[in-house]
Amino acid sequence: MKLKRKNILKVAIDSPAAAGAGTQAKLISKHYNLYYLDTGKIYRFIANIKLKKAKKYNLKFLKKKIKYLKIKDLKNKELLADEVGTEASIIAQNKKIRNIVHSFQINCAYNPPKKYNGSCLDGRDITYNIMPDANVKIFMTASVKTRAMRRYKELKALNKKILFKEVLKSIKKRDKNDYNRSISPLKKTKDSVLINTTNLSKRACFLKIKKIIDKKINN
């Protein structure tokens, strides 16, 4: 792929489920006017298709769906369902599907619309696979119980009837899939800044990341 834009700010964030990466990536993107992509939502988008349109689900159908995928399509609340997340972590291990998604992610990372100052992507393999030359690399995490509680509250707010122990089990299962998959596993790179959000407020976390980015910009 020929890269069209140079000298843009690129922020890469990796994290396990519900560590707060999505929330912070949105705040950072708004503050620095960056094009934001939640890469995990793409796999949730595919998982939702598989669960709802099983008969149509195949690689040819997916290629067409990803080709015409819009950011607004990733804002569908159905994608937040726990069963969708679990299926997404399984789908993400499929090499053929990852290849389809990869080109879409690369384009978003390196060719954001001209009105933006750069791009900000969060996911599982952004820091070393999608944006290895990112200006800022961050690995966010939190205790598994804290992450499960965040997801539980998120699902309850959507009027989902679910038990905390079910969400905790799901988060642990997703962690196992994400860290141990053979293709693009979740891992912290040596040049990524570790941020543990277990005891951090959204504001405190944002200021911490902002300090890291400002230092990079001003150097």
Protein backbone atom coordinates (compact mmCIF):
# COMPACT_ATOMS: atom_id res chain seq x y z
CA MET A 1 0.00 0.00 0.00
CA LYS A 2 1.31 3.45 -0.92
CA LEU A 3 1.17 5.76 2.08
CA LYS A 4 -0.36 9.09 1.18
CA ARG A 5 0.28 11.20 4.25
CA LYS A 6 3.49 11.95 6.08
CA ASN A 7 4.26 13.83 9.29
CA ILE A 8 1.01 12.89 10.95
CA LEU A 9 0.65 12.07 14.65
CA LYS A 10 0.10 8.35 15.17
CA VAL A 11 -1.03 7.00 18.55
CA ALA A 12 -1.22 3.22 19.11
CA ILE A 13 -2.94 1.71 22.16
CA ASP A 14 -3.11 -1.98 23.04
CA SER A 15 -5.04 -3.44 25.97
CA PRO A 16 -7.05 -6.41 27.21
CA ALA A 17 -10.85 -6.10 27.26
CA ALA A 18 -12.42 -3.29 29.33
CA ALA A 19 -9.14 -1.72 30.45
CA GLY A 20 -10.39 1.71 29.38
CA ALA A 21 -8.47 1.98 26.11
CA GLY A 22 -11.54 2.84 24.05
CA THR A 23 -12.60 5.63 26.38
CA GLN A 24 -9.13 7.15 26.48
CA ALA A 25 -8.56 6.77 22.75
CA LYS A 26 -11.75 8.75 22.10
CA LEU A 27 -10.70 11.50 24.52
CA ILE A 28 -7.20 11.69 23.04
CA SER A 29 -8.57 11.72 19.49
CA LYS A 30 -10.93 14.57 20.27
CA HIS A 31 -8.25 16.60 22.05
CA TYR A 32 -5.62 16.27 19.29
CA ASN A 33 -8.09 16.04 16.38
CA LEU A 34 -7.10 12.50 15.44
CA TYR A 35 -9.00 9.99 13.33
CA TYR A 36 -10.12 7.29 15.76
CA LEU A 37 -10.62 3.60 15.04
CA ASP A 38 -11.57 0.98 17.61
CA THR A 39 -10.11 -2.02 15.80
CA GLY A 40 -11.76 -4.50 18.17
CA LYS A 41 -15.13 -3.27 16.99
CA ILE A 42 -14.32 -4.53 13.50
CA TYR A 43 -14.06 -8.09 14.83
CA ARG A 44 -17.23 -7.52 16.84
CA PHE A 45 -18.87 -6.30 13.63
CA ILE A 46 -17.85 -9.54 11.91
CA ALA A 47 -18.88 -11.64 14.92
CA ASN A 48 -22.32 -10.04 14.89
CA ILE A 49 -22.69 -10.92 11.22
CA LYS A 50 -21.70 -14.52 11.93
CA LEU A 51 -24.19 -14.81 14.79
CA LYS A 52 -27.07 -13.17 12.91
CA LYS A 53 -26.44 -14.13 9.30
CA ALA A 54 -24.81 -17.53 9.57
CA LYS A 55 -26.08 -18.66 6.15
CA LYS A 56 -24.44 -15.73 4.36
CA TYR A 57 -21.26 -15.82 6.41
CA ASN A 58 -18.20 -16.55 4.24
CA LEU A 59 -14.96 -14.80 3.25
CA LYS A 60 -16.35 -13.32 0.03
CA PHE A 61 -19.29 -11.82 1.93
CA LEU A 62 -16.94 -10.44 4.61
CA LYS A 63 -14.60 -8.82 2.09
CA LYS A 64 -17.52 -6.89 0.64
CA LYS A 65 -18.74 -5.86 4.10
CA ILE A 66 -15.29 -4.63 5.18
CA LYS A 67 -14.71 -2.84 1.86
CA TYR A 68 -17.76 -0.65 2.45
CA LEU A 69 -17.45 -0.48 6.23
CA LYS A 70 -18.07 2.97 7.76
CA ILE A 71 -17.10 4.14 11.24
CA LYS A 72 -20.79 4.70 12.02
CA ASP A 73 -21.38 0.96 11.47
CA LEU A 74 -19.13 0.27 14.46
CA LYS A 75 -21.33 2.31 16.78
CA ASN A 76 -24.16 -0.23 16.74
CA LYS A 77 -25.01 -1.07 20.37
CA GLU A 78 -25.54 -4.71 19.40
CA LEU A 79 -21.75 -5.00 19.13
CA LEU A 80 -21.41 -4.53 22.90
CA ALA A 81 -23.20 -7.80 23.67
CA ASP A 82 -21.10 -10.24 25.69
CA GLU A 83 -21.66 -13.13 23.28
CA VAL A 84 -20.48 -10.92 20.41
CA GLY A 85 -17.28 -10.09 22.30
CA THR A 86 -16.56 -13.74 23.02
CA GLU A 87 -17.15 -14.70 19.38
CA ALA A 88 -14.97 -11.77 18.24
CA SER A 89 -11.98 -13.02 20.24
CA ILE A 90 -12.31 -16.39 18.50
CA ILE A 91 -12.72 -14.86 15.04
CA ALA A 92 -9.63 -12.70 15.61
CA GLN A 93 -7.54 -15.88 15.60
CA ASN A 94 -8.47 -16.61 11.99
CA LYS A 95 -5.56 -15.64 9.72
CA LYS A 96 -7.70 -15.15 6.60
CA ILE A 97 -10.09 -12.82 8.43
CA ARG A 98 -7.20 -10.87 9.97
CA ASN A 99 -5.75 -10.33 6.50
CA ILE A 100 -9.05 -8.84 5.35
CA VAL A 101 -9.21 -6.53 8.35
CA HIS A 102 -5.49 -5.65 8.26
CA SER A 103 -5.62 -3.54 5.08
CA PHE A 104 -8.62 -1.60 6.40
CA GLN A 105 -6.77 -0.82 9.64
CA ILE A 106 -3.58 0.20 7.84
CA ASN A 107 -5.51 2.61 5.64
CA CYS A 108 -7.19 4.21 8.66
CA ALA A 109 -3.83 4.50 10.47
CA TYR A 110 -1.77 5.99 7.67
CA ASN A 111 -4.33 7.70 5.46
CA PRO A 112 -6.77 9.50 7.77
CA PRO A 113 -9.01 12.14 6.18
CA LYS A 114 -7.14 15.43 5.63
CA LYS A 115 -9.17 17.29 8.24
CA TYR A 116 -7.44 15.25 10.97
CA ASN A 117 -3.95 15.78 12.40
CA GLY A 118 -3.29 12.06 12.48
CA SER A 119 -4.76 8.82 13.77
CA CYS A 120 -5.37 6.94 17.00
CA LEU A 121 -6.07 3.21 16.97
CA ASP A 122 -6.69 0.88 19.88
CA GLY A 123 -6.83 -2.90 19.85
CA ARG A 124 -4.66 -5.92 20.61
CA ASP A 125 -1.77 -5.74 18.11
CA ILE A 126 -1.64 -2.07 17.13
CA THR A 127 1.76 -1.20 18.65
CA TYR A 128 3.72 -3.87 16.80
CA ASN A 129 1.63 -5.03 13.87
CA ILE A 130 -0.57 -2.20 12.58
CA MET A 131 1.43 0.90 13.61
CA PRO A 132 4.96 -0.24 14.52
CA ASP A 133 6.29 3.27 13.82
CA ALA A 134 3.66 5.07 15.93
CA ASN A 135 4.85 8.26 17.64
CA VAL A 136 3.24 7.14 20.89
CA LYS A 137 2.68 3.55 22.04
CA ILE A 138 0.66 2.73 25.13
CA PHE A 139 -0.30 -0.54 26.79
CA MET A 140 -3.28 -0.13 29.13
CA THR A 141 -4.38 -2.71 31.64
CA ALA A 142 -6.33 -3.15 34.90
CA SER A 143 -7.16 -5.99 37.29
CA VAL A 144 -9.50 -8.60 35.83
CA LYS A 145 -12.19 -7.89 38.46
CA THR A 146 -12.06 -4.17 37.75
CA ARG A 147 -12.42 -4.79 34.02
CA ALA A 148 -15.26 -7.25 34.53
CA MET A 149 -17.12 -4.76 36.73
CA ARG A 150 -16.74 -2.04 34.09
CA ARG A 151 -18.16 -4.32 31.42
CA TYR A 152 -20.92 -5.52 33.77
CA LYS A 153 -22.04 -1.92 34.42
CA GLU A 154 -21.87 -1.18 30.72
CA LEU A 155 -24.12 -4.13 29.91
CA LYS A 156 -26.55 -3.34 32.75
CA ALA A 157 -26.88 0.20 31.39
CA LEU A 158 -28.10 -1.40 28.17
CA ASN A 159 -30.71 -3.29 30.19
CA LYS A 160 -28.94 -6.59 29.65
CA LYS A 161 -29.93 -9.33 32.11
CA ILE A 162 -26.57 -10.76 33.10
CA LEU A 163 -24.72 -11.77 36.25
CA PHE A 164 -21.34 -10.36 37.26
CA LYS A 165 -19.85 -13.86 37.54
CA GLU A 166 -20.83 -14.50 33.91
CA VAL A 167 -19.08 -11.33 32.77
CA LEU A 168 -16.00 -12.17 34.85
CA LYS A 169 -15.86 -15.63 33.28
CA SER A 170 -16.21 -14.09 29.82
CA ILE A 171 -13.41 -11.57 30.44
CA LYS A 172 -11.07 -14.32 31.64
CA LYS A 173 -11.90 -16.39 28.57
CA ARG A 174 -11.24 -13.45 26.26
CA ASP A 175 -7.93 -12.74 27.99
CA LYS A 176 -6.87 -16.33 27.43
CA ASN A 177 -7.79 -16.11 23.75
CA ASP A 178 -6.14 -12.71 23.24
CA TYR A 179 -2.84 -13.46 25.00
CA ASN A 180 -2.40 -17.01 23.70
CA ARG A 181 -3.53 -16.88 20.09
CA SER A 182 -0.85 -17.82 17.55
CA ILE A 183 -1.61 -14.86 15.27
CA SER A 184 -0.96 -11.30 16.54
CA PRO A 185 -1.40 -12.04 20.26
CA LEU A 186 -1.93 -9.30 22.82
CA LYS A 187 1.43 -8.29 24.28
CA LYS A 188 3.26 -5.27 25.61
CA THR A 189 6.15 -4.11 23.44
CA LYS A 190 9.34 -2.76 25.00
CA ASP A 191 8.69 0.71 23.61
CA SER A 192 5.10 0.91 24.93
CA VAL A 193 4.31 2.91 28.07
CA LEU A 194 2.43 0.79 30.62
CA ILE A 195 -0.60 2.41 32.25
CA ASN A 196 -2.58 0.52 34.89
CA THR A 197 -6.08 2.01 35.14
CA THR A 198 -7.33 -0.07 38.10
CA ASN A 199 -7.25 2.92 40.46
CA LEU A 200 -7.22 5.74 37.93
CA SER A 201 -10.16 8.00 37.14
CA LYS A 202 -10.90 8.76 33.49
CA ARG A 203 -9.57 12.28 33.94
CA ALA A 204 -6.37 11.18 35.68
CA CYS A 205 -5.71 8.62 32.97
CA PHE A 206 -6.32 11.15 30.22
CA LEU A 207 -3.88 13.63 31.77
CA LYS A 208 -1.27 10.90 32.08
CA ILE A 209 -1.54 10.01 28.39
CA LYS A 210 -1.69 13.69 27.39
CA LYS A 211 1.61 14.30 29.20
CA ILE A 212 3.22 11.44 27.26
CA ILE A 213 1.94 12.75 23.91
CA ASP A 214 2.84 16.38 24.62
CA LYS A 215 6.38 15.32 25.49
CA LYS A 216 6.68 13.50 22.16
CA ILE A 217 5.23 16.42 20.20
CA ASN A 218 7.47 19.02 21.82
CA ASN A 219 10.73 17.06 21.54
